[in-house]
C-alpha atoms as a PDB file:
ATOM      1  CA  UNK A   1     -78.836 -31.768 123.093  1.00  0.00           C
ATOM      2  CA  UNK A   2     -80.591 -34.994 122.237  1.00  0.00           C
ATOM      3  CA  UNK A   3     -78.109 -35.232 119.390  1.00  0.00           C
ATOM      4  CA  UNK A   4     -75.287 -34.901 121.866  1.00  0.00           C
ATOM      5  CA  UNK A   5     -76.639 -37.791 124.145  1.00  0.00           C
ATOM      6  CA  UNK A   6     -76.903 -39.985 120.960  1.00  0.00           C
ATOM      7  CA  UNK A   7     -73.356 -39.141 120.117  1.00  0.00           C
ATOM      8  CA  UNK A   8     -72.276 -40.167 123.553  1.00  0.00           C
ATOM      9  CA  UNK A   9     -73.939 -43.511 123.096  1.00  0.00           C
ATOM     10  CA  UNK A  10     -72.163 -43.845 119.783  1.00  0.00           C
ATOM     11  CA  UNK A  11     -68.816 -42.983 121.148  1.00  0.00           C
ATOM     12  CA  UNK A  12     -69.153 -45.397 124.201  1.00  0.00           C
ATOM     13  CA  UNK A  13     -69.823 -48.086 121.527  1.00  0.00           C
ATOM     14  CA  UNK A  14     -66.885 -47.019 119.473  1.00  0.00           C
ATOM     15  CA  UNK A  15     -64.630 -47.019 122.378  1.00  0.00           C
ATOM     16  CA  UNK A  16     -65.778 -50.692 123.288  1.00  0.00           C
ATOM     17  CA  UNK A  17     -65.085 -51.677 119.760  1.00  0.00           C
ATOM     18  CA  UNK A  18     -61.568 -50.166 119.884  1.00  0.00           C
ATOM     19  CA  UNK A  19     -60.824 -51.785 123.188  1.00  0.00           C
ATOM     20  CA  UNK A  20     -59.705 -54.943 121.531  1.00  0.00           C
ATOM     21  CA  UNK A  21     -59.075 -54.171 117.835  1.00  0.00           C
ATOM     22  CA  UNK A  22     -57.225 -50.874 117.788  1.00  0.00           C
ATOM     23  CA  UNK A  23     -53.848 -49.152 118.659  1.00  0.00           C
ATOM     24  CA  UNK A  24     -53.479 -47.787 122.211  1.00  0.00           C
ATOM     25  CA  UNK A  25     -53.196 -44.399 120.622  1.00  0.00           C
ATOM     26  CA  UNK A  26     -56.601 -44.678 118.915  1.00  0.00           C
ATOM     27  CA  UNK A  27     -58.245 -46.149 122.039  1.00  0.00           C
ATOM     28  CA  UNK A  28     -56.914 -43.173 124.070  1.00  0.00           C
ATOM     29  CA  UNK A  29     -58.190 -40.732 121.618  1.00  0.00           C
ATOM     30  CA  UNK A  30     -61.643 -42.267 121.754  1.00  0.00           C
ATOM     31  CA  UNK A  31     -61.505 -42.150 125.566  1.00  0.00           C
ATOM     32  CA  UNK A  32     -60.442 -38.569 125.504  1.00  0.00           C
ATOM     33  CA  UNK A  33     -63.207 -37.714 123.213  1.00  0.00           C
ATOM     34  CA  UNK A  34     -65.938 -39.336 125.332  1.00  0.00           C
ATOM     35  CA  UNK A  35     -64.293 -37.491 128.450  1.00  0.00           C
ATOM     36  CA  UNK A  36     -64.320 -34.148 126.617  1.00  0.00           C
ATOM     37  CA  UNK A  37     -68.066 -34.389 125.553  1.00  0.00           C
ATOM     38  CA  UNK A  38     -69.380 -32.785 128.733  1.00  0.00           C
ATOM     39  CA  UNK A  39     -67.343 -29.625 127.771  1.00  0.00           C
ATOM     40  CA  UNK A  40     -69.255 -29.424 124.378  1.00  0.00           C
ATOM     41  CA  UNK A  41     -71.724 -26.615 125.002  1.00  0.00           C
ATOM     42  CA  UNK A  42     -73.580 -27.033 121.735  1.00  0.00           C
ATOM     43  CA  UNK A  43     -73.871 -29.129 118.570  1.00  0.00           C
ATOM     44  CA  UNK A  44     -72.638 -26.024 116.695  1.00  0.00           C
ATOM     45  CA  UNK A  45     -69.278 -26.600 118.203  1.00  0.00           C
ATOM     46  CA  UNK A  46     -69.197 -30.294 116.776  1.00  0.00           C
ATOM     47  CA  UNK A  47     -69.674 -28.870 113.305  1.00  0.00           C
ATOM     48  CA  UNK A  48     -66.260 -27.095 113.409  1.00  0.00           C
ATOM     49  CA  UNK A  49     -62.982 -28.833 114.111  1.00  0.00           C
ATOM     50  CA  UNK A  50     -61.537 -25.464 114.769  1.00  0.00           C
ATOM     51  CA  UNK A  51     -64.017 -24.663 117.584  1.00  0.00           C
ATOM     52  CA  UNK A  52     -63.344 -28.092 119.081  1.00  0.00           C
ATOM     53  CA  UNK A  53     -59.607 -27.603 119.011  1.00  0.00           C
ATOM     54  CA  UNK A  54     -59.980 -24.223 120.711  1.00  0.00           C
ATOM     55  CA  UNK A  55     -62.123 -25.632 123.498  1.00  0.00           C
ATOM     56  CA  UNK A  56     -59.765 -28.654 123.813  1.00  0.00           C
ATOM     57  CA  UNK A  57     -56.901 -26.391 124.259  1.00  0.00           C
ATOM     58  CA  UNK A  58     -58.708 -24.520 127.007  1.00  0.00           C
ATOM     59  CA  UNK A  59     -59.832 -27.684 128.684  1.00  0.00           C
ATOM     60  CA  UNK A  60     -56.581 -29.662 128.441  1.00  0.00           C
ATOM     61  CA  UNK A  61     -53.609 -27.250 127.884  1.00  0.00           C
ATOM     62  CA  UNK A  62     -50.958 -29.996 128.500  1.00  0.00           C
ATOM     63  CA  UNK A  63     -52.142 -32.130 125.662  1.00  0.00           C
ATOM     64  CA  UNK A  64     -49.878 -31.990 122.562  1.00  0.00           C
ATOM     65  CA  UNK A  65     -51.203 -30.444 119.270  1.00  0.00           C
ATOM     66  CA  UNK A  66     -51.397 -33.609 117.380  1.00  0.00           C
ATOM     67  CA  UNK A  67     -53.625 -35.345 120.102  1.00  0.00           C
ATOM     68  CA  UNK A  68     -55.987 -32.307 120.187  1.00  0.00           C
ATOM     69  CA  UNK A  69     -56.271 -32.385 116.364  1.00  0.00           C
ATOM     70  CA  UNK A  70     -57.111 -36.035 116.564  1.00  0.00           C
ATOM     71  CA  UNK A  71     -59.638 -35.731 119.233  1.00  0.00           C
ATOM     72  CA  UNK A  72     -61.283 -32.880 117.357  1.00  0.00           C
ATOM     73  CA  UNK A  73     -61.418 -34.845 114.079  1.00  0.00           C
ATOM     74  CA  UNK A  74     -62.797 -37.918 115.936  1.00  0.00           C
ATOM     75  CA  UNK A  75     -65.554 -35.890 117.439  1.00  0.00           C
ATOM     76  CA  UNK A  76     -66.335 -34.007 114.225  1.00  0.00           C
ATOM     77  CA  UNK A  77     -66.553 -37.025 112.031  1.00  0.00           C
ATOM     78  CA  UNK A  78     -68.568 -38.989 114.539  1.00  0.00           C
ATOM     79  CA  UNK A  79     -71.136 -36.007 114.701  1.00  0.00           C
ATOM     80  CA  UNK A  80     -71.225 -35.739 110.946  1.00  0.00           C
ATOM     81  CA  UNK A  81     -71.935 -39.475 110.586  1.00  0.00           C
ATOM     82  CA  UNK A  82     -74.659 -39.363 113.329  1.00  0.00           C
ATOM     83  CA  UNK A  83     -76.225 -36.361 111.854  1.00  0.00           C
ATOM     84  CA  UNK A  84     -76.301 -37.766 108.422  1.00  0.00           C
ATOM     85  CA  UNK A  85     -77.785 -41.033 109.665  1.00  0.00           C
ATOM     86  CA  UNK A  86     -80.464 -39.186 111.671  1.00  0.00           C
ATOM     87  CA  UNK A  87     -81.397 -36.965 108.850  1.00  0.00           C
ATOM     88  CA  UNK A  88     -81.780 -39.745 106.127  1.00  0.00           C
ATOM     89  CA  UNK A  89     -85.238 -39.887 104.488  1.00  0.00           C
ATOM     90  CA  UNK A  90     -87.198 -43.123 104.522  1.00  0.00           C
ATOM     91  CA  UNK A  91     -86.610 -43.504 100.814  1.00  0.00           C
ATOM     92  CA  UNK A  92     -82.862 -43.351 101.289  1.00  0.00           C
ATOM     93  CA  UNK A  93     -82.948 -45.778 104.132  1.00  0.00           C
ATOM     94  CA  UNK A  94     -84.909 -48.295 101.959  1.00  0.00           C
ATOM     95  CA  UNK A  95     -82.451 -47.809  99.163  1.00  0.00           C
ATOM     96  CA  UNK A  96     -79.500 -48.463 101.503  1.00  0.00           C
ATOM     97  CA  UNK A  97     -81.066 -51.452 103.080  1.00  0.00           C
ATOM     98  CA  UNK A  98     -81.891 -52.720  99.502  1.00  0.00           C
ATOM     99  CA  UNK A  99     -78.216 -52.311  98.522  1.00  0.00           C
ATOM    100  CA  UNK A 100     -76.870 -54.081 101.634  1.00  0.00           C
ATOM    101  CA  UNK A 101     -79.176 -57.030 100.963  1.00  0.00           C
ATOM    102  CA  UNK A 102     -78.122 -57.295  97.366  1.00  0.00           C
ATOM    103  CA  UNK A 103     -74.249 -57.148  98.072  1.00  0.00           C
ATOM    104  CA  UNK A 104     -72.376 -60.206  96.971  1.00  0.00           C
ATOM    105  CA  UNK A 105     -70.326 -61.836  99.695  1.00  0.00           C
ATOM    106  CA  UNK A 106     -66.705 -61.926  99.044  1.00  0.00           C
ATOM    107  CA  UNK A 107     -63.637 -63.685 100.444  1.00  0.00           C
ATOM    108  CA  UNK A 108     -60.093 -62.792 100.554  1.00  0.00           C
ATOM    109  CA  UNK A 109     -57.569 -65.166  99.249  1.00  0.00           C
ATOM    110  CA  UNK A 110     -53.881 -65.182 100.123  1.00  0.00           C
ATOM    111  CA  UNK A 111     -51.729 -65.015  97.233  1.00  0.00           C
ATOM    112  CA  UNK A 112     -48.120 -66.028  97.638  1.00  0.00           C
ATOM    113  CA  UNK A 113     -45.889 -64.194  95.465  1.00  0.00           C
END
């Protein structure tokens, strides 16, 4: 369940980020995903969008199908990203840090056509 508590922290951060820079639909999806997390009984549920959708339908039967699918996807993708991050080897972390350090900065220019 440690993974789920880390996921909760990540979802709180994501929600705060979305507060100012996202659509109201996306922000509401993040809020609902965070509210749903206590209903997640195991990390195995997060590995499957289908299991998440079934539990979401049982928990909130009045939500529309698209919203349920979006919440399930949001939770599943967040879980996969966190699991990958936690399971990286030290060599892979060093390689990624080196790549980040070597990236060239770029700027976007407005082109009027």
